């Protein structure tokens, strides 16, 4: 089995309904997996840190296409 690479995605902004679902779909649609995550809401602001795994070509799509979330 090939070794997986990792990337960490962090994001902050106004809390919105469906935001976690959009982030999850964004990651999985690029062939990557969420290995771990931490999320919090503070006074209406959402913060997330996500550890993402995948092969290097799949992971390279994450920073190039993050604006689609």
C-alpha atoms as a PDB file:
ATOM      1  CA  UNK A   1       0.000   0.000   0.000  1.00  0.00           C
ATOM      2  CA  UNK A   2       1.329   3.440  -0.952  1.00  0.00           C
ATOM      3  CA  UNK A   3       2.233   5.848   1.821  1.00  0.00           C
ATOM      4  CA  UNK A   4      -0.142   8.786   2.187  1.00  0.00           C
ATOM      5  CA  UNK A   5       0.873  12.415   2.409  1.00  0.00           C
ATOM      6  CA  UNK A   6      -0.884  14.993   4.571  1.00  0.00           C
ATOM      7  CA  UNK A   7      -1.912  18.624   4.456  1.00  0.00           C
ATOM      8  CA  UNK A   8      -3.574  20.791   7.104  1.00  0.00           C
ATOM      9  CA  UNK A   9      -6.461  23.083   6.197  1.00  0.00           C
ATOM     10  CA  UNK A  10      -7.417  25.912   8.549  1.00  0.00           C
ATOM     11  CA  UNK A  11     -10.335  28.266   8.081  1.00  0.00           C
ATOM     12  CA  UNK A  12     -12.206  30.931  10.028  1.00  0.00           C
ATOM     13  CA  UNK A  13     -15.260  32.976   9.193  1.00  0.00           C
ATOM     14  CA  UNK A  14     -18.923  33.552   9.960  1.00  0.00           C
ATOM     15  CA  UNK A  15     -20.758  30.417  11.076  1.00  0.00           C
ATOM     16  CA  UNK A  16     -23.148  29.168   8.378  1.00  0.00           C
ATOM     17  CA  UNK A  17     -25.564  26.264   8.127  1.00  0.00           C
ATOM     18  CA  UNK A  18     -24.041  23.490   5.998  1.00  0.00           C
ATOM     19  CA  UNK A  19     -20.460  24.762   6.168  1.00  0.00           C
ATOM     20  CA  UNK A  20     -19.019  21.510   7.582  1.00  0.00           C
ATOM     21  CA  UNK A  21     -20.824  19.559   4.860  1.00  0.00           C
ATOM     22  CA  UNK A  22     -19.372  21.837   2.163  1.00  0.00           C
ATOM     23  CA  UNK A  23     -15.847  21.439   3.549  1.00  0.00           C
ATOM     24  CA  UNK A  24     -16.246  17.640   3.725  1.00  0.00           C
ATOM     25  CA  UNK A  25     -17.560  17.414   0.153  1.00  0.00           C
ATOM     26  CA  UNK A  26     -14.753  19.665  -1.086  1.00  0.00           C
ATOM     27  CA  UNK A  27     -12.136  17.362   0.440  1.00  0.00           C
ATOM     28  CA  UNK A  28     -13.706  14.036  -0.590  1.00  0.00           C
ATOM     29  CA  UNK A  29     -14.468  15.188  -4.150  1.00  0.00           C
ATOM     30  CA  UNK A  30     -10.735  15.687  -4.641  1.00  0.00           C
ATOM     31  CA  UNK A  31      -9.971  12.102  -3.599  1.00  0.00           C
ATOM     32  CA  UNK A  32      -8.740  12.942  -0.098  1.00  0.00           C
ATOM     33  CA  UNK A  33      -9.765  11.863   3.401  1.00  0.00           C
ATOM     34  CA  UNK A  34     -10.252  13.708   6.683  1.00  0.00           C
ATOM     35  CA  UNK A  35      -8.018  12.046   9.278  1.00  0.00           C
ATOM     36  CA  UNK A  36      -8.723  14.423  12.159  1.00  0.00           C
ATOM     37  CA  UNK A  37     -10.447  17.741  12.771  1.00  0.00           C
ATOM     38  CA  UNK A  38     -11.188  20.302  15.444  1.00  0.00           C
ATOM     39  CA  UNK A  39     -14.019  22.789  15.120  1.00  0.00           C
ATOM     40  CA  UNK A  40     -15.379  25.550  17.310  1.00  0.00           C
ATOM     41  CA  UNK A  41     -17.869  28.411  17.200  1.00  0.00           C
ATOM     42  CA  UNK A  42     -17.102  31.586  19.154  1.00  0.00           C
ATOM     43  CA  UNK A  43     -19.658  34.409  19.139  1.00  0.00           C
ATOM     44  CA  UNK A  44     -20.919  33.405  15.698  1.00  0.00           C
ATOM     45  CA  UNK A  45     -17.455  32.889  14.197  1.00  0.00           C
ATOM     46  CA  UNK A  46     -16.540  29.372  12.979  1.00  0.00           C
ATOM     47  CA  UNK A  47     -13.007  27.987  13.200  1.00  0.00           C
ATOM     48  CA  UNK A  48     -11.762  24.652  11.837  1.00  0.00           C
ATOM     49  CA  UNK A  49      -8.471  22.779  11.556  1.00  0.00           C
ATOM     50  CA  UNK A  50      -8.560  19.654   9.368  1.00  0.00           C
ATOM     51  CA  UNK A  51      -5.819  17.042   8.842  1.00  0.00           C
ATOM     52  CA  UNK A  52      -6.253  15.717   5.301  1.00  0.00           C
ATOM     53  CA  UNK A  53      -4.578  12.642   3.795  1.00  0.00           C
ATOM     54  CA  UNK A  54      -4.221  11.457   0.227  1.00  0.00           C
ATOM     55  CA  UNK A  55      -1.726  10.961  -2.541  1.00  0.00           C
ATOM     56  CA  UNK A  56       0.342  13.982  -3.524  1.00  0.00           C
ATOM     57  CA  UNK A  57      -1.571  14.719  -6.740  1.00  0.00           C
ATOM     58  CA  UNK A  58      -4.916  14.731  -4.882  1.00  0.00           C
ATOM     59  CA  UNK A  59      -3.578  16.839  -2.013  1.00  0.00           C
ATOM     60  CA  UNK A  60      -2.146  19.411  -4.424  1.00  0.00           C
ATOM     61  CA  UNK A  61      -5.723  20.241  -5.482  1.00  0.00           C
ATOM     62  CA  UNK A  62      -6.657  21.415  -1.968  1.00  0.00           C
ATOM     63  CA  UNK A  63      -4.659  24.703  -1.858  1.00  0.00           C
ATOM     64  CA  UNK A  64      -5.260  25.402  -5.572  1.00  0.00           C
ATOM     65  CA  UNK A  65      -9.037  25.045  -5.324  1.00  0.00           C
ATOM     66  CA  UNK A  66      -9.883  26.034  -1.731  1.00  0.00           C
ATOM     67  CA  UNK A  67     -11.754  29.134  -2.942  1.00  0.00           C
ATOM     68  CA  UNK A  68     -14.539  26.785  -4.130  1.00  0.00           C
ATOM     69  CA  UNK A  69     -15.634  25.988  -0.572  1.00  0.00           C
END
